[in-house]
Amino acid sequence: MTSSIQVFSNRESLLEANAVLITQLQNRLRVKRFRANENDTSKLEYMKTLTETLKVQNGILESCQLDDIKEEIAKLKGSK
């Protein structure tokens, strides 16, 4: 991840953040001989926390999209 804070304002940004996590994990596991280091546990805990945060943000975005769809349906019903 970059040093700047990323805002997850849409599903694409959530997918990008998830892709970064997947890439980091794959790179860590692709080595010929895996050796755990002292920072692995802390980093994994932060990755788990970020993953949960991504899930929550996705739920919020999904809820907002449903609200928008409901409004659009109400407008369409009102125009008849």
C-alpha atoms as a PDB file:
ATOM      1  CA  MET A   1       0.000   0.000   0.000  1.00  0.00           C
ATOM      2  CA  THR A   2       1.108   3.563  -0.488  1.00  0.00           C
ATOM      3  CA  SER A   3       1.942   5.945   2.323  1.00  0.00           C
ATOM      4  CA  SER A   4      -1.111   8.108   1.624  1.00  0.00           C
ATOM      5  CA  ILE A   5      -4.540   7.221   2.963  1.00  0.00           C
ATOM      6  CA  GLN A   6      -6.841   5.722   0.355  1.00  0.00           C
ATOM      7  CA  VAL A   7     -10.548   6.483   0.385  1.00  0.00           C
ATOM      8  CA  PHE A   8     -12.806   3.684  -0.774  1.00  0.00           C
ATOM      9  CA  SER A   9     -15.526   5.704  -2.468  1.00  0.00           C
ATOM     10  CA  ASN A  10     -16.526   3.076  -5.014  1.00  0.00           C
ATOM     11  CA  ARG A  11     -16.283  -0.632  -5.669  1.00  0.00           C
ATOM     12  CA  GLU A  12     -13.344  -0.183  -8.026  1.00  0.00           C
ATOM     13  CA  SER A  13     -11.235   1.329  -5.237  1.00  0.00           C
ATOM     14  CA  LEU A  14     -12.222  -1.573  -2.965  1.00  0.00           C
ATOM     15  CA  LEU A  15     -11.149  -4.041  -5.642  1.00  0.00           C
ATOM     16  CA  GLU A  16      -7.841  -2.208  -6.081  1.00  0.00           C
ATOM     17  CA  ALA A  17      -7.139  -2.372  -2.343  1.00  0.00           C
ATOM     18  CA  ASN A  18      -8.050  -6.057  -2.309  1.00  0.00           C
ATOM     19  CA  ALA A  19      -5.764  -6.679  -5.283  1.00  0.00           C
ATOM     20  CA  VAL A  20      -2.877  -5.065  -3.404  1.00  0.00           C
ATOM     21  CA  LEU A  21      -3.475  -7.371  -0.437  1.00  0.00           C
ATOM     22  CA  ILE A  22      -3.645 -10.426  -2.665  1.00  0.00           C
ATOM     23  CA  THR A  23      -0.446  -9.422  -4.466  1.00  0.00           C
ATOM     24  CA  GLN A  24       1.412  -8.880  -1.195  1.00  0.00           C
ATOM     25  CA  LEU A  25       0.313 -12.254   0.142  1.00  0.00           C
ATOM     26  CA  GLN A  26       1.161 -14.060  -3.093  1.00  0.00           C
ATOM     27  CA  ASN A  27       4.592 -12.439  -3.259  1.00  0.00           C
ATOM     28  CA  ARG A  28       5.273 -13.436   0.330  1.00  0.00           C
ATOM     29  CA  LEU A  29       4.223 -17.044  -0.305  1.00  0.00           C
ATOM     30  CA  ARG A  30       5.966 -17.525  -3.682  1.00  0.00           C
ATOM     31  CA  VAL A  31       9.480 -17.701  -2.295  1.00  0.00           C
ATOM     32  CA  LYS A  32      11.237 -21.050  -2.642  1.00  0.00           C
ATOM     33  CA  ARG A  33      11.761 -21.383   1.081  1.00  0.00           C
ATOM     34  CA  PHE A  34       9.332 -19.594   3.347  1.00  0.00           C
ATOM     35  CA  ARG A  35      10.818 -18.173   6.506  1.00  0.00           C
ATOM     36  CA  ALA A  36       8.614 -16.370   8.960  1.00  0.00           C
ATOM     37  CA  ASN A  37       9.944 -13.074  10.185  1.00  0.00           C
ATOM     38  CA  GLU A  38       9.144 -11.093  13.301  1.00  0.00           C
ATOM     39  CA  ASN A  39       6.836  -8.681  11.455  1.00  0.00           C
ATOM     40  CA  ASP A  40       4.608 -11.316   9.821  1.00  0.00           C
ATOM     41  CA  THR A  41       2.166 -11.571  12.714  1.00  0.00           C
ATOM     42  CA  SER A  42       1.631  -7.820  12.991  1.00  0.00           C
ATOM     43  CA  LYS A  43       1.257  -7.378   9.246  1.00  0.00           C
ATOM     44  CA  LEU A  44      -1.254 -10.231   9.050  1.00  0.00           C
ATOM     45  CA  GLU A  45      -3.348  -8.656  11.794  1.00  0.00           C
ATOM     46  CA  TYR A  46      -3.375  -5.336   9.927  1.00  0.00           C
ATOM     47  CA  MET A  47      -4.308  -7.145   6.694  1.00  0.00           C
ATOM     48  CA  LYS A  48      -7.186  -8.885   8.480  1.00  0.00           C
ATOM     49  CA  THR A  49      -8.354  -5.546   9.861  1.00  0.00           C
ATOM     50  CA  LEU A  50      -8.166  -3.935   6.421  1.00  0.00           C
ATOM     51  CA  THR A  51     -10.074  -6.864   4.916  1.00  0.00           C
ATOM     52  CA  GLU A  52     -12.867  -6.446   7.457  1.00  0.00           C
ATOM     53  CA  THR A  53     -12.916  -2.708   6.790  1.00  0.00           C
ATOM     54  CA  LEU A  54     -13.219  -3.379   3.056  1.00  0.00           C
ATOM     55  CA  LYS A  55     -16.193  -5.671   3.748  1.00  0.00           C
ATOM     56  CA  VAL A  56     -17.910  -2.998   5.846  1.00  0.00           C
ATOM     57  CA  GLN A  57     -17.269  -0.302   3.241  1.00  0.00           C
ATOM     58  CA  ASN A  58     -18.608  -2.580   0.516  1.00  0.00           C
ATOM     59  CA  GLY A  59     -21.785  -3.072   2.557  1.00  0.00           C
ATOM     60  CA  ILE A  60     -22.177   0.679   2.943  1.00  0.00           C
ATOM     61  CA  LEU A  61     -21.660   1.266  -0.787  1.00  0.00           C
ATOM     62  CA  GLU A  62     -24.148  -1.493  -1.568  1.00  0.00           C
ATOM     63  CA  SER A  63     -26.716   0.078   0.756  1.00  0.00           C
ATOM     64  CA  CYS A  64     -26.216   3.495  -0.850  1.00  0.00           C
ATOM     65  CA  GLN A  65     -26.671   1.987  -4.312  1.00  0.00           C
ATOM     66  CA  LEU A  66     -29.878   0.291  -3.186  1.00  0.00           C
ATOM     67  CA  ASP A  67     -31.158   3.626  -1.848  1.00  0.00           C
ATOM     68  CA  ASP A  68     -30.377   5.239  -5.216  1.00  0.00           C
ATOM     69  CA  ILE A  69     -32.228   2.446  -7.032  1.00  0.00           C
ATOM     70  CA  LYS A  70     -35.235   2.843  -4.726  1.00  0.00           C
ATOM     71  CA  GLU A  71     -35.308   6.592  -5.412  1.00  0.00           C
ATOM     72  CA  GLU A  72     -35.110   5.976  -9.165  1.00  0.00           C
ATOM     73  CA  ILE A  73     -37.967   3.464  -8.996  1.00  0.00           C
ATOM     74  CA  ALA A  74     -40.069   5.921  -6.984  1.00  0.00           C
ATOM     75  CA  LYS A  75     -39.404   8.638  -9.581  1.00  0.00           C
ATOM     76  CA  LEU A  76     -40.355   6.294 -12.416  1.00  0.00           C
ATOM     77  CA  LYS A  77     -43.554   5.261 -10.655  1.00  0.00           C
ATOM     78  CA  GLY A  78     -44.390   8.912  -9.989  1.00  0.00           C
ATOM     79  CA  SER A  79     -44.003   9.885 -13.640  1.00  0.00           C
ATOM     80  CA  LYS A  80     -46.688   7.441 -14.816  1.00  0.00           C
END
